[in-house]
Amino acid sequence: MADIRSDFVGIKSPNPFWLASAPPTDKAYNVVRAFKAGWGGVVWKTLGEEGPPVVNVNGPRYGAIWGPDRRLIGLNNIELITDRDLQVNLQEIKQVKRDWPDRALVVSLMVPCVEEAWKAILPVVEDTGADGIELNFGCPHGMSERGMGAAVGQVPEYVEMVVRWCKQNTRMPVITKLTPNISDIRNPARAAHAGGTDAVSLINTINSITSVNLDSFSPEPSIDGKGTHGGYCGPAVKPIAMNMVAEIARDQQTRGLPISAIGGITTWRDAAEFMALGAGTAQVCTAAMTYGFKIVEEMIEGLKNWMDEKGHSTLDDFIGRAVPNVTDWQYLNLNYVAKARINQDACIKCGRCHIACEDTSHQAITHMVDGARHFEVIEAECVGCNLCVNVCPVEGCITMEPLAVGALDQRTGLWVDSAYANWTTHPNNPSARQAAE
């Protein structure tokens, strides 16, 4: 079997699947259950400074977006950092690390943007034996109004400053957690790198309101008739997270900076995709809250099986392999041509491909042939957009097939030349060469 042991900035774990800083990692009871289930590591729910306890709402904390089958695809939360006593948390962290020395245990931290506050909390966390700290610069609600969380993460100068404070005052590896609520994720990543961070983690939750109750006219979740924006997570945010991870992985100024990926990871495949984009570990929250801790068993076995099938013996064999293939639009090969093909044996004749193409795209799919219901691609009209593939309810029924070298693109009247590098004109389209040039 493949070796999926992870060594992330010196933090070792038996697998790359970690629980993210969130309700599932708020206390020893949960963390121990997670380790028994097989999780490779956890990021303990965010601790604050010594003093008056944080007060969370005593009511609904989550809003949700569901798919048609009631599957949870997005979760909004308005919960703050831990409301448990700091000393109790520290004692539990110390005991859990002592009992589970082979698992990664990272502690998430959020204190005021004052050097003395960071100097005060770092040594007491270090005394627990924790493997590292994660700086929570991402929380978009509640704490950000107090000058912490996303309020720090949105200002690169603050990010660099706090990272530098932490690196000067602890031996532990520092992971900087970035907020997605920003115009360009590369800026805070560059700032964290300049401050000396050992790694970054992303994404934290996205500012959101998931729904409004049309009887009470209050955003959900509603607290005594009022609602507020919260942090959005779950499968719906995965595409946003993958783009941001890729941007950091391929940026000249942060290339090679270790990344811990967060955002909608539900299966081993999700984790492998993030890792192919440069991530070293995969942090999970919503999937565990939806299905329980044992989902990690499928993640572990699925990743191992895929690695065996592809011949990857260790995680390093495929981490970052997709990064060179992420490029800017201007560098895409505009001479590449693909056309949709419908497998008539698999087609259930629902007509979704036809109506989507007819109403919103290029009128390139028939719906009637010789008086009978029949769906087929009109190659001369097909631009290869693949909308039909995405709306078809039958997986694999419609595929995109590249035109072979020497084939004629009936839409443009051009021949496909070697490796799609050049075009030659069709005799009936003498102006095509000029258009191509």
Protein backbone atom coordinates (compact mmCIF):
# COMPACT_ATOMS: atom_id res chain seq x y z
CA MET A 1 0.00 0.00 0.00
CA ALA A 2 1.04 3.60 -0.56
CA ASP A 3 2.73 5.45 2.30
CA ILE A 4 0.49 8.39 3.24
CA ARG A 5 2.46 9.58 6.25
CA SER A 6 2.78 13.36 6.31
CA ASP A 7 5.61 15.64 7.39
CA PHE A 8 4.28 19.18 7.19
CA VAL A 9 6.80 21.84 8.30
CA GLY A 10 8.21 19.26 10.71
CA ILE A 11 4.77 18.30 12.07
CA LYS A 12 4.39 14.57 11.56
CA SER A 13 1.10 12.69 11.26
CA PRO A 14 0.12 9.20 10.05
CA ASN A 15 -1.98 10.70 7.26
CA PRO A 16 -2.61 14.18 5.81
CA PHE A 17 -6.22 14.40 7.00
CA TRP A 18 -6.59 16.92 9.81
CA LEU A 19 -9.69 18.33 11.46
CA ALA A 20 -9.84 22.10 11.03
CA SER A 21 -10.19 24.53 13.91
CA ALA A 22 -13.96 24.50 14.53
CA PRO A 23 -16.62 23.01 16.85
CA PRO A 24 -15.36 19.43 16.28
CA THR A 25 -12.03 20.32 17.93
CA ASP A 26 -13.32 22.34 20.86
CA LYS A 27 -12.53 19.85 23.62
CA ALA A 28 -10.55 16.72 24.47
CA TYR A 29 -13.59 14.45 24.23
CA ASN A 30 -14.12 15.27 20.55
CA VAL A 31 -10.43 15.22 19.66
CA VAL A 32 -9.88 11.82 21.25
CA ARG A 33 -12.88 10.42 19.37
CA ALA A 34 -11.39 11.83 16.17
CA PHE A 35 -8.01 10.24 16.80
CA LYS A 36 -9.63 6.89 17.59
CA ALA A 37 -11.46 7.15 14.26
CA GLY A 38 -8.15 7.61 12.44
CA TRP A 39 -7.65 11.34 11.86
CA GLY A 40 -4.01 12.24 11.38
CA GLY A 41 -4.20 15.54 13.22
CA VAL A 42 -6.36 18.35 14.50
CA VAL A 43 -6.19 22.10 14.78
CA TRP A 44 -7.65 22.83 18.22
CA LYS A 45 -10.49 25.33 18.17
CA THR A 46 -9.25 28.91 18.45
CA LEU A 47 -8.10 30.02 21.89
CA GLY A 48 -8.25 33.62 23.07
CA GLU A 49 -6.40 35.51 25.76
CA GLU A 50 -6.84 35.04 29.50
CA GLY A 51 -9.69 37.14 30.85
CA PRO A 52 -13.45 37.40 30.63
CA PRO A 53 -14.81 34.42 28.67
CA VAL A 54 -16.12 34.75 25.15
CA VAL A 55 -19.90 34.56 25.12
CA ASN A 56 -21.55 32.68 22.25
CA VAL A 57 -25.23 32.86 21.35
CA ASN A 58 -27.47 30.35 23.14
CA GLY A 59 -29.56 29.58 20.12
CA PRO A 60 -29.24 28.63 16.46
CA ARG A 61 -25.68 29.03 15.19
CA TYR A 62 -25.91 27.57 11.71
CA GLY A 63 -27.61 28.43 8.45
CA ALA A 64 -27.59 25.96 5.56
CA ILE A 65 -27.92 25.54 1.80
CA TRP A 66 -29.18 22.16 0.63
CA GLY A 67 -29.25 20.41 -2.71
CA PRO A 68 -32.52 18.95 -4.08
CA ASP A 69 -31.85 15.69 -2.21
CA ARG A 70 -31.43 17.57 1.10
CA ARG A 71 -27.69 17.03 0.92
CA LEU A 72 -25.84 19.78 2.78
CA ILE A 73 -23.76 21.76 0.31
CA GLY A 74 -23.11 24.92 2.30
CA LEU A 75 -23.05 25.80 5.99
CA ASN A 76 -23.04 29.26 7.54
CA ASN A 77 -21.99 29.63 11.18
CA ILE A 78 -22.08 32.55 13.60
CA GLU A 79 -20.18 30.80 16.39
CA LEU A 80 -17.21 32.61 17.89
CA ILE A 81 -13.90 31.22 19.16
CA THR A 82 -13.92 28.85 22.14
CA ASP A 83 -16.01 29.96 25.09
CA ARG A 84 -14.26 27.48 27.38
CA ASP A 85 -11.72 28.62 29.97
CA LEU A 86 -8.20 29.03 28.58
CA GLN A 87 -6.57 27.00 31.34
CA VAL A 88 -9.00 24.11 30.85
CA ASN A 89 -8.19 24.07 27.14
CA LEU A 90 -4.46 24.14 27.80
CA GLN A 91 -4.67 21.26 30.27
CA GLU A 92 -6.67 19.16 27.82
CA ILE A 93 -4.28 19.92 24.95
CA LYS A 94 -1.33 18.84 27.08
CA GLN A 95 -3.02 15.58 28.08
CA VAL A 96 -4.20 14.72 24.56
CA LYS A 97 -0.76 15.32 23.08
CA ARG A 98 0.79 13.16 25.79
CA ASP A 99 -1.68 10.34 25.07
CA TRP A 100 -1.45 10.61 21.26
CA PRO A 101 2.17 11.53 20.49
CA ASP A 102 2.00 10.28 16.89
CA ARG A 103 -0.83 12.66 15.92
CA ALA A 104 -0.47 16.26 14.82
CA LEU A 105 -1.89 18.73 17.32
CA VAL A 106 -1.83 22.36 16.26
CA VAL A 107 -3.42 25.12 18.34
CA SER A 108 -5.36 27.96 16.70
CA LEU A 109 -4.86 31.35 18.33
CA MET A 110 -6.56 34.73 18.19
CA VAL A 111 -5.70 37.58 20.54
CA PRO A 112 -5.74 41.37 20.14
CA CYS A 113 -3.30 42.86 17.64
CA VAL A 114 -0.89 43.90 20.39
CA GLU A 115 2.57 42.39 20.76
CA GLU A 116 2.23 41.85 24.51
CA ALA A 117 -0.94 39.80 24.02
CA TRP A 118 0.88 37.43 21.67
CA LYS A 119 3.95 37.29 23.93
CA ALA A 120 1.69 36.26 26.80
CA ILE A 121 -0.13 33.40 25.11
CA LEU A 122 2.68 31.82 23.11
CA PRO A 123 4.70 30.35 26.02
CA VAL A 124 1.67 28.80 27.72
CA VAL A 125 0.68 27.10 24.48
CA GLU A 126 4.25 25.98 23.88
CA ASP A 127 4.26 24.43 27.36
CA THR A 128 1.49 22.03 26.33
CA GLY A 129 3.79 20.23 23.92
CA ALA A 130 1.62 21.17 20.95
CA ASP A 131 3.23 20.68 17.55
CA GLY A 132 2.52 24.16 16.22
CA ILE A 133 0.21 27.15 16.18
CA GLU A 134 -2.21 28.45 13.58
CA LEU A 135 -2.82 32.19 13.56
CA ASN A 136 -6.51 32.78 12.99
CA PHE A 137 -6.56 35.76 10.64
CA GLY A 138 -9.74 34.67 8.94
CA CYS A 139 -12.82 34.64 11.19
CA PRO A 140 -15.26 37.00 9.40
CA HIS A 141 -17.86 37.52 12.12
CA GLY A 142 -18.01 38.62 15.73
CA MET A 143 -14.30 38.70 16.42
CA SER A 144 -13.50 40.81 13.37
CA GLU A 145 -15.66 43.58 14.80
CA ARG A 146 -13.29 43.53 17.75
CA GLY A 147 -10.21 44.09 15.61
CA MET A 148 -9.20 40.43 15.32
CA GLY A 149 -9.70 37.60 12.83
CA ALA A 150 -10.40 38.88 9.33
CA ALA A 151 -9.78 42.45 10.49
CA VAL A 152 -6.10 41.47 10.72
CA GLY A 153 -6.07 39.14 7.72
CA GLN A 154 -7.38 41.86 5.41
CA VAL A 155 -4.41 44.12 6.14
CA PRO A 156 -1.15 42.61 4.84
CA GLU A 157 0.96 44.89 7.03
CA TYR A 158 -0.79 43.54 10.14
CA VAL A 159 -0.34 39.98 8.93
CA GLU A 160 3.40 40.43 8.51
CA MET A 161 3.71 42.22 11.85
CA VAL A 162 1.93 39.57 13.92
CA VAL A 163 3.69 36.70 12.16
CA ARG A 164 7.00 38.34 12.94
CA TRP A 165 6.05 38.72 16.60
CA CYS A 166 5.17 35.04 16.81
CA LYS A 167 8.30 33.82 15.04
CA GLN A 168 10.40 35.87 17.46
CA ASN A 169 8.67 34.48 20.53
CA THR A 170 8.10 30.76 19.96
CA ARG A 171 9.97 27.68 18.82
CA MET A 172 6.76 26.17 17.40
CA PRO A 173 6.06 26.16 13.66
CA VAL A 174 3.74 29.03 12.72
CA ILE A 175 0.90 28.43 10.27
CA THR A 176 -0.93 31.57 9.13
CA LYS A 177 -4.62 31.08 8.37
CA LEU A 178 -5.81 33.41 5.61
CA THR A 179 -9.18 35.01 5.01
CA PRO A 180 -10.84 34.65 1.58
CA ASN A 181 -12.68 37.92 2.17
CA ILE A 182 -10.10 39.92 0.26
CA SER A 183 -9.53 41.04 -3.31
CA ASP A 184 -6.24 39.19 -3.90
CA ILE A 185 -5.22 36.28 -1.68
CA ARG A 186 -1.60 36.63 -2.78
CA ASN A 187 -1.13 39.85 -0.83
CA PRO A 188 -1.64 38.48 2.70
CA ALA A 189 0.20 35.29 1.70
CA ARG A 190 3.20 37.35 0.60
CA ALA A 191 3.01 39.34 3.83
CA ALA A 192 2.94 36.18 5.95
CA HIS A 193 5.91 34.85 3.98
CA ALA A 194 7.80 38.09 4.53
CA GLY A 195 7.08 37.83 8.26
CA GLY A 196 8.67 34.40 8.33
CA THR A 197 5.64 32.12 8.56
CA ASP A 198 6.40 28.43 8.19
CA ALA A 199 3.20 27.80 6.24
CA VAL A 200 -0.21 29.19 5.37
CA SER A 201 -3.63 27.56 5.68
CA LEU A 202 -6.67 28.53 3.66
CA ILE A 203 -9.41 29.26 3.21
CA ASN A 204 -11.19 30.43 6.29
CA THR A 205 -14.94 30.95 5.96
CA ILE A 206 -16.57 33.35 3.51
CA ASN A 207 -18.77 36.23 4.65
CA SER A 208 -22.36 35.24 3.96
CA ILE A 209 -26.06 35.30 4.70
CA THR A 210 -27.54 31.99 3.56
CA SER A 211 -31.26 32.74 3.76
CA VAL A 212 -33.99 35.08 5.00
CA ASN A 213 -37.12 33.89 6.80
CA LEU A 214 -39.96 35.31 4.73
CA ASP A 215 -42.39 35.21 7.67
CA SER A 216 -40.25 37.02 10.25
CA PHE A 217 -38.00 38.75 7.67
CA SER A 218 -34.96 37.84 9.72
CA PRO A 219 -31.75 36.37 8.31
CA GLU A 220 -31.17 32.75 9.33
CA PRO A 221 -30.04 31.63 11.82
CA SER A 222 -32.34 33.98 13.70
CA ILE A 223 -31.64 35.07 17.28
CA ASP A 224 -34.74 36.65 18.82
CA GLY A 225 -35.81 38.07 15.48
CA LYS A 226 -32.40 39.32 14.35
CA GLY A 227 -29.66 37.76 12.22
CA THR A 228 -26.14 38.58 11.15
CA HIS A 229 -23.57 37.62 8.56
CA GLY A 230 -21.59 34.49 9.29
CA GLY A 231 -18.86 32.30 7.85
CA TYR A 232 -19.75 30.10 4.86
CA CYS A 233 -18.10 26.71 4.39
CA GLY A 234 -18.78 23.25 2.99
CA PRO A 235 -18.65 21.70 -0.50
CA ALA A 236 -19.92 24.91 -2.11
CA VAL A 237 -16.72 26.81 -1.26
CA LYS A 238 -14.29 24.20 -2.62
CA PRO A 239 -13.82 25.86 -6.08
CA ILE A 240 -13.03 29.19 -4.43
CA ALA A 241 -10.57 27.56 -2.05
CA MET A 242 -8.82 25.60 -4.81
CA ASN A 243 -8.29 28.75 -6.86
CA MET A 244 -6.78 30.58 -3.90
CA VAL A 245 -4.51 27.66 -3.03
CA ALA A 246 -3.35 27.52 -6.65
CA GLU A 247 -2.70 31.27 -6.76
CA ILE A 248 -0.35 31.03 -3.79
CA ALA A 249 1.32 27.85 -5.06
CA ARG A 250 2.19 29.38 -8.43
CA ASP A 251 2.99 32.93 -7.30
CA GLN A 252 6.67 33.77 -7.77
CA GLN A 253 6.90 35.37 -4.32
CA THR A 254 5.29 32.50 -2.38
CA ARG A 255 6.18 29.50 -4.54
CA GLY A 256 7.32 26.65 -2.30
CA LEU A 257 5.55 28.02 0.78
CA PRO A 258 3.87 25.03 2.50
CA ILE A 259 0.06 25.11 2.33
CA SER A 260 -2.55 23.41 4.47
CA ALA A 261 -5.76 23.31 2.44
CA ILE A 262 -9.22 24.02 3.85
CA GLY A 263 -12.54 24.42 2.07
CA GLY A 264 -15.22 21.88 1.23
CA ILE A 265 -13.04 18.78 1.50
CA THR A 266 -15.46 15.86 1.79
CA THR A 267 -13.75 12.91 0.09
CA TRP A 268 -10.24 11.59 -0.59
CA ARG A 269 -10.59 12.94 -4.13
CA ASP A 270 -11.17 16.47 -2.85
CA ALA A 271 -8.05 16.19 -0.73
CA ALA A 272 -5.98 14.78 -3.61
CA GLU A 273 -7.06 17.67 -5.85
CA PHE A 274 -5.94 20.24 -3.29
CA MET A 275 -2.67 18.39 -2.81
CA ALA A 276 -2.08 18.29 -6.56
CA LEU A 277 -2.43 22.08 -6.40
CA GLY A 278 0.34 22.31 -3.83
CA ALA A 279 -1.22 21.56 -0.43
CA GLY A 280 0.62 19.33 2.03
CA THR A 281 -2.32 18.56 4.34
CA ALA A 282 -6.10 18.64 4.03
CA GLN A 283 -8.17 20.15 6.83
CA VAL A 284 -11.80 19.07 7.16
CA CYS A 285 -14.71 20.52 9.11
CA THR A 286 -18.17 20.55 7.50
CA ALA A 287 -17.94 16.97 6.24
CA ALA A 288 -17.13 15.73 9.75
CA MET A 289 -20.01 17.77 11.19
CA THR A 290 -22.34 16.31 8.57
CA TYR A 291 -21.29 12.65 8.54
CA GLY A 292 -19.25 12.10 11.71
CA PHE A 293 -15.60 11.33 12.31
CA LYS A 294 -15.58 7.92 10.64
CA ILE A 295 -15.59 9.48 7.18
CA VAL A 296 -11.82 9.59 7.53
CA GLU A 297 -11.73 5.81 7.01
CA GLU A 298 -12.97 6.23 3.42
CA MET A 299 -10.57 9.12 2.90
CA ILE A 300 -7.58 7.07 4.01
CA GLU A 301 -8.45 3.95 2.01
CA GLY A 302 -9.54 5.92 -1.04
CA LEU A 303 -6.31 7.90 -1.16
CA LYS A 304 -4.18 4.79 -0.71
CA ASN A 305 -6.04 2.89 -3.43
CA TRP A 306 -5.76 5.77 -5.89
CA MET A 307 -2.05 6.20 -5.17
CA ASP A 308 -1.47 2.48 -5.68
CA GLU A 309 -3.40 2.55 -8.95
CA LYS A 310 -1.39 5.53 -10.22
CA GLY A 311 1.97 4.32 -8.93
CA HIS A 312 2.47 7.05 -6.33
CA SER A 313 4.39 5.61 -3.40
CA THR A 314 4.39 8.73 -1.19
CA LEU A 315 2.47 11.99 -0.97
CA ASP A 316 5.42 13.89 -2.41
CA ASP A 317 4.96 12.00 -5.67
CA PHE A 318 1.89 14.06 -6.55
CA ILE A 319 1.85 17.13 -4.28
CA GLY A 320 2.08 20.16 -6.57
CA ARG A 321 1.87 18.15 -9.81
CA ALA A 322 -1.02 20.28 -11.13
CA VAL A 323 0.61 23.64 -10.38
CA PRO A 324 2.53 23.94 -13.70
CA ASN A 325 -0.74 23.34 -15.55
CA VAL A 326 -2.50 26.29 -13.90
CA THR A 327 -1.98 29.28 -16.16
CA ASP A 328 -3.49 32.61 -17.14
CA TRP A 329 -6.21 32.69 -19.79
CA GLN A 330 -3.96 34.44 -22.29
CA TYR A 331 -1.67 31.39 -22.42
CA LEU A 332 -4.37 28.83 -23.27
CA ASN A 333 -4.03 27.10 -26.64
CA LEU A 334 -6.70 28.73 -28.78
CA ASN A 335 -5.96 26.28 -31.59
CA TYR A 336 -7.23 23.33 -29.57
CA VAL A 337 -10.65 22.11 -30.78
CA ALA A 338 -13.05 19.68 -29.08
CA LYS A 339 -16.62 18.75 -30.01
CA ALA A 340 -19.43 17.21 -27.98
CA ARG A 341 -20.47 13.63 -28.73
CA ILE A 342 -23.69 11.98 -27.51
CA ASN A 343 -23.71 8.25 -26.80
CA GLN A 344 -27.06 7.23 -28.24
CA ASP A 345 -27.11 3.99 -26.26
CA ALA A 346 -26.79 5.88 -22.98
CA CYS A 347 -29.12 8.79 -23.92
CA ILE A 348 -32.43 8.74 -22.00
CA LYS A 349 -33.92 11.38 -24.33
CA CYS A 350 -34.70 13.86 -21.56
CA GLY A 351 -33.83 16.80 -23.82
CA ARG A 352 -31.92 18.84 -21.27
CA CYS A 353 -28.86 19.12 -23.51
CA HIS A 354 -30.98 20.39 -26.40
CA ILE A 355 -32.93 23.01 -24.49
CA ALA A 356 -29.84 24.32 -22.68
CA CYS A 357 -27.96 24.66 -25.97
CA GLU A 358 -30.98 25.97 -27.89
CA ASP A 359 -31.99 28.62 -25.37
CA THR A 360 -28.66 29.74 -23.94
CA SER A 361 -25.82 28.65 -26.17
CA HIS A 362 -25.21 27.81 -29.83
CA GLN A 363 -28.19 25.85 -31.19
CA ALA A 364 -25.89 22.89 -31.81
CA ILE A 365 -28.06 19.94 -30.68
CA THR A 366 -31.03 18.52 -32.58
CA HIS A 367 -34.23 17.42 -30.88
CA MET A 368 -36.09 15.85 -33.80
CA VAL A 369 -34.79 13.75 -36.69
CA ASP A 370 -37.21 12.32 -39.27
CA GLY A 371 -40.14 13.09 -36.99
CA ALA A 372 -38.66 11.18 -34.04
CA ARG A 373 -37.22 12.52 -30.78
CA HIS A 374 -33.47 12.37 -31.29
CA PHE A 375 -30.59 14.36 -29.82
CA GLU A 376 -27.39 14.72 -31.76
CA VAL A 377 -24.64 17.32 -31.98
CA ILE A 378 -24.57 19.52 -35.08
CA GLU A 379 -20.80 19.66 -35.43
CA ALA A 380 -20.82 22.72 -37.67
CA GLU A 381 -22.45 24.74 -34.85
CA CYS A 382 -20.70 23.22 -31.81
CA VAL A 383 -18.07 25.46 -30.20
CA GLY A 384 -17.06 22.84 -27.64
CA CYS A 385 -18.30 24.79 -24.63
CA ASN A 386 -19.36 21.55 -22.81
CA LEU A 387 -22.53 23.02 -21.26
CA CYS A 388 -24.37 19.94 -22.50
CA VAL A 389 -21.97 17.68 -20.60
CA ASN A 390 -22.66 19.55 -17.38
CA VAL A 391 -26.47 19.55 -17.62
CA CYS A 392 -26.82 15.93 -18.79
CA PRO A 393 -28.17 13.77 -15.91
CA VAL A 394 -26.42 10.64 -17.25
CA GLU A 395 -22.73 10.56 -16.38
CA GLY A 396 -20.59 9.78 -19.42
CA CYS A 397 -23.45 10.04 -21.92
CA ILE A 398 -22.03 13.22 -23.47
CA THR A 399 -18.27 13.55 -23.85
CA MET A 400 -15.91 16.10 -25.31
CA GLU A 401 -13.75 14.66 -28.10
CA PRO A 402 -10.73 16.60 -29.45
CA LEU A 403 -10.60 16.79 -33.24
CA ALA A 404 -7.81 14.63 -34.63
CA VAL A 405 -4.90 16.11 -36.55
CA GLY A 406 -5.98 16.53 -40.19
CA ALA A 407 -9.69 16.76 -39.34
CA LEU A 408 -11.84 19.56 -40.68
CA ASP A 409 -13.58 21.85 -38.24
CA GLN A 410 -16.88 22.33 -40.05
CA ARG A 411 -17.72 25.39 -37.98
CA THR A 412 -14.67 27.41 -39.04
CA GLY A 413 -13.77 25.64 -42.27
CA LEU A 414 -10.21 25.09 -41.01
CA TRP A 415 -8.09 21.94 -40.95
CA VAL A 416 -6.56 20.91 -37.65
CA ASP A 417 -2.79 20.86 -38.06
CA SER A 418 -0.11 19.11 -36.00
CA ALA A 419 -0.59 19.48 -32.23
CA TYR A 420 -3.22 22.17 -32.91
CA ALA A 421 -0.34 24.56 -33.43
CA ASN A 422 -1.46 25.91 -36.80
CA TRP A 423 -4.43 25.95 -39.11
CA THR A 424 -4.76 25.60 -42.86
CA THR A 425 -7.69 26.84 -44.87
CA HIS A 426 -10.51 24.80 -46.27
CA PRO A 427 -10.89 25.33 -50.05
CA ASN A 428 -14.40 26.69 -49.53
CA ASN A 429 -13.24 29.23 -46.99
CA PRO A 430 -10.40 31.24 -48.60
CA SER A 431 -10.62 34.02 -46.02
CA ALA A 432 -10.15 31.67 -43.08
CA ARG A 433 -6.36 31.90 -43.11
CA GLN A 434 -6.53 35.68 -42.83
CA ALA A 435 -9.04 35.38 -39.99
CA ALA A 436 -6.84 32.86 -38.19
CA GLU A 437 -3.75 35.00 -38.65
